[in-house]
Amino acid sequence: MVSLITLGTLLEPQHLEPAVRSPLRISATDLPKLARLFLHAHPNGTGHPGAEKAADRIRAVLEGTHGTLIPQASLFTADADGRIIAAIITTDRAFGERGTRTAFIAELFTHPEHRRNGLAEDLLTHAMQALHDSGHRTLAVTVNTNNAAAIAFYLSQDFRRFTHPAADD
């Protein structure tokens, strides 16, 4: 059984450092490159999706099966040869019993050869600024509890365990 944890943060204006590689908005034409990156970013083993399933997963997210895509906060970074090396895809969807609309990180992944270079942090910061600018006040992400690296990353970016408000009496 997969155990998940949802983390969230309040969106504040971000201090955007000049990026070595400016993030670009994701479009539907980026699907093949995103699917290749998704395959590289996920380790081989029982959860390895395969090329077709990777493309299906990214296509589904871009088409709205995980909430409405937020284009201005769905970004990628490419290397000098135009290969996508990191990406973040954000959606707007209902959350919790009350169905409150919340911005969610549907995917955030980096090619293994480019990890630990600040790419995920840079994409997250730019996405958070775009979300703040467009009126969103919170951002959440759901992570497998076995993914210690992802949990540590989000906690280092001021995400906290999302708790549901108590029901009105």
Protein backbone atom coordinates (compact mmCIF):
# COMPACT_ATOMS: atom_id res chain seq x y z
CA MET A 1 0.00 0.00 0.00
CA VAL A 2 1.27 3.45 -0.91
CA SER A 3 1.21 5.95 1.92
CA LEU A 4 1.00 9.63 0.99
CA ILE A 5 1.53 12.90 2.80
CA THR A 6 0.29 16.31 1.66
CA LEU A 7 2.50 19.30 2.34
CA GLY A 8 1.54 22.91 1.79
CA THR A 9 2.86 26.43 2.02
CA LEU A 10 1.46 29.93 1.98
CA LEU A 11 2.46 31.86 -1.10
CA GLU A 12 4.44 35.03 -0.55
CA PRO A 13 6.33 37.20 -3.04
CA GLN A 14 9.56 35.45 -3.99
CA HIS A 15 13.04 36.89 -4.33
CA LEU A 16 13.92 35.78 -7.85
CA GLU A 17 17.63 35.49 -8.48
CA PRO A 18 18.74 35.92 -12.07
CA ALA A 19 18.62 32.38 -13.48
CA VAL A 20 21.42 30.88 -15.50
CA ARG A 21 18.72 29.26 -17.59
CA SER A 22 15.43 31.14 -17.52
CA PRO A 23 12.46 28.82 -17.04
CA LEU A 24 10.08 28.53 -19.98
CA ARG A 25 6.36 27.76 -20.00
CA ILE A 26 5.34 24.21 -20.78
CA SER A 27 3.16 23.66 -23.83
CA ALA A 28 1.53 20.56 -25.33
CA THR A 29 4.33 20.38 -27.91
CA ASP A 30 6.77 19.66 -25.06
CA LEU A 31 5.07 16.33 -24.26
CA PRO A 32 7.66 14.01 -25.88
CA LYS A 33 10.58 15.79 -24.16
CA LEU A 34 8.75 15.86 -20.83
CA ALA A 35 7.97 12.15 -21.08
CA ARG A 36 11.64 11.36 -21.75
CA LEU A 37 12.68 13.45 -18.75
CA PHE A 38 10.02 11.78 -16.59
CA LEU A 39 11.46 8.37 -17.50
CA HIS A 40 15.01 9.45 -16.61
CA ALA A 41 13.91 11.13 -13.39
CA HIS A 42 12.23 8.02 -11.98
CA PRO A 43 14.42 5.11 -10.92
CA ASN A 44 14.18 1.70 -12.54
CA GLY A 45 12.31 -0.91 -10.60
CA THR A 46 8.74 -1.77 -9.73
CA GLY A 47 7.51 1.80 -10.15
CA HIS A 48 9.28 2.49 -13.45
CA PRO A 49 6.53 3.64 -15.81
CA GLY A 50 7.88 2.75 -19.27
CA ALA A 51 7.87 5.20 -22.19
CA GLU A 52 4.18 4.87 -23.07
CA LYS A 53 2.96 5.20 -19.49
CA ALA A 54 5.27 8.16 -18.89
CA ALA A 55 3.81 9.98 -21.90
CA ASP A 56 0.28 9.04 -20.77
CA ARG A 57 0.96 10.39 -17.27
CA ILE A 58 2.30 13.73 -18.50
CA ARG A 59 -0.44 14.02 -21.16
CA ALA A 60 -3.11 13.39 -18.51
CA VAL A 61 -1.69 16.09 -16.24
CA LEU A 62 -1.47 18.60 -19.10
CA GLU A 63 -5.05 17.77 -20.17
CA GLY A 64 -6.47 18.38 -16.71
CA THR A 65 -7.09 14.97 -15.13
CA HIS A 66 -5.29 16.19 -11.99
CA GLY A 67 -6.87 19.63 -11.94
CA THR A 68 -6.82 22.62 -14.26
CA LEU A 69 -3.34 23.32 -15.58
CA ILE A 70 -1.86 26.63 -14.42
CA PRO A 71 0.24 27.55 -17.49
CA GLN A 72 2.13 30.47 -15.95
CA ALA A 73 3.36 28.18 -13.14
CA SER A 74 4.09 25.10 -15.26
CA LEU A 75 7.67 25.57 -16.32
CA PHE A 76 10.76 23.80 -17.54
CA THR A 77 14.47 24.39 -17.78
CA ALA A 78 16.42 23.24 -20.84
CA ASP A 79 20.12 22.73 -21.39
CA ALA A 80 22.13 24.45 -24.13
CA ASP A 81 21.07 21.72 -26.60
CA GLY A 82 17.36 22.27 -25.91
CA ARG A 83 16.87 19.12 -23.83
CA ILE A 84 14.44 19.59 -20.96
CA ILE A 85 16.37 18.85 -17.76
CA ALA A 86 13.87 19.89 -15.07
CA ALA A 87 10.14 20.61 -15.00
CA ILE A 88 7.33 21.63 -12.68
CA ILE A 89 3.66 21.21 -13.57
CA THR A 90 1.08 22.92 -11.39
CA THR A 91 -2.68 22.56 -11.37
CA ASP A 92 -5.62 24.15 -9.61
CA ARG A 93 -7.93 21.62 -7.98
CA ALA A 94 -10.36 21.08 -5.16
CA PHE A 95 -8.82 20.01 -1.88
CA GLY A 96 -10.31 18.66 1.31
CA GLU A 97 -13.88 18.06 2.38
CA ARG A 98 -14.94 21.62 1.60
CA GLY A 99 -13.54 21.48 -1.92
CA THR A 100 -11.40 24.58 -1.46
CA ARG A 101 -9.48 25.40 -4.67
CA THR A 102 -5.76 25.04 -4.15
CA ALA A 103 -2.73 25.20 -6.42
CA PHE A 104 -1.01 21.80 -6.48
CA ILE A 105 2.32 20.61 -7.76
CA ALA A 106 1.29 17.72 -10.00
CA GLU A 107 4.90 16.97 -10.98
CA LEU A 108 8.35 18.31 -10.19
CA PHE A 109 11.24 16.31 -11.58
CA THR A 110 14.88 16.75 -12.59
CA HIS A 111 17.14 14.63 -14.77
CA PRO A 112 19.49 12.66 -12.44
CA GLU A 113 22.59 14.14 -14.09
CA HIS A 114 21.39 17.65 -13.21
CA ARG A 115 20.22 17.11 -9.64
CA ARG A 116 21.69 19.11 -6.77
CA ASN A 117 22.23 22.13 -9.03
CA GLY A 118 19.28 24.14 -7.71
CA LEU A 119 17.06 23.57 -10.76
CA ALA A 120 14.06 22.26 -8.80
CA GLU A 121 14.37 25.08 -6.29
CA ASP A 122 14.60 27.66 -9.09
CA LEU A 123 11.54 26.24 -10.87
CA LEU A 124 9.60 26.09 -7.61
CA THR A 125 10.49 29.71 -6.78
CA HIS A 126 9.41 30.95 -10.22
CA ALA A 127 6.19 28.92 -10.04
CA MET A 128 5.44 30.26 -6.56
CA GLN A 129 5.91 33.84 -7.76
CA ALA A 130 3.64 33.24 -10.76
CA LEU A 131 1.01 31.68 -8.49
CA HIS A 132 1.22 34.56 -6.02
CA ASP A 133 0.95 37.09 -8.85
CA SER A 134 -2.19 35.34 -10.16
CA GLY A 135 -3.93 35.43 -6.78
CA HIS A 136 -3.26 31.98 -5.38
CA ARG A 137 -2.57 31.96 -1.65
CA THR A 138 -1.50 28.36 -1.03
CA LEU A 139 0.45 25.68 -2.82
CA ALA A 140 0.33 21.99 -1.94
CA VAL A 141 2.00 18.78 -3.03
CA THR A 142 1.27 15.14 -2.25
CA VAL A 143 4.33 12.94 -1.81
CA ASN A 144 4.85 9.24 -1.20
CA THR A 145 6.04 8.90 2.42
CA ASN A 146 8.86 6.64 1.17
CA ASN A 147 10.29 9.51 -0.89
CA ALA A 148 12.49 11.01 1.82
CA ALA A 149 14.40 13.20 -0.65
CA ALA A 150 11.21 14.88 -1.90
CA ILE A 151 9.86 15.39 1.61
CA ALA A 152 13.17 16.89 2.74
CA PHE A 153 13.22 19.18 -0.31
CA TYR A 154 9.73 20.53 0.33
CA LEU A 155 10.33 20.95 4.05
CA SER A 156 13.49 22.93 3.21
CA GLN A 157 11.29 25.21 1.08
CA ASP A 158 8.98 26.02 4.03
CA PHE A 159 6.27 23.49 3.18
CA ARG A 160 4.55 21.97 6.20
CA ARG A 161 2.21 19.07 6.68
CA PHE A 162 -1.20 20.14 5.41
CA THR A 163 -3.84 19.89 8.10
CA HIS A 164 -7.54 20.16 7.50
CA PRO A 165 -9.40 22.85 9.43
CA ALA A 166 -11.79 21.55 12.07
CA ALA A 167 -15.38 21.18 10.94
CA ASP A 168 -17.79 23.87 12.11
CA ASP A 169 -19.97 22.78 15.04
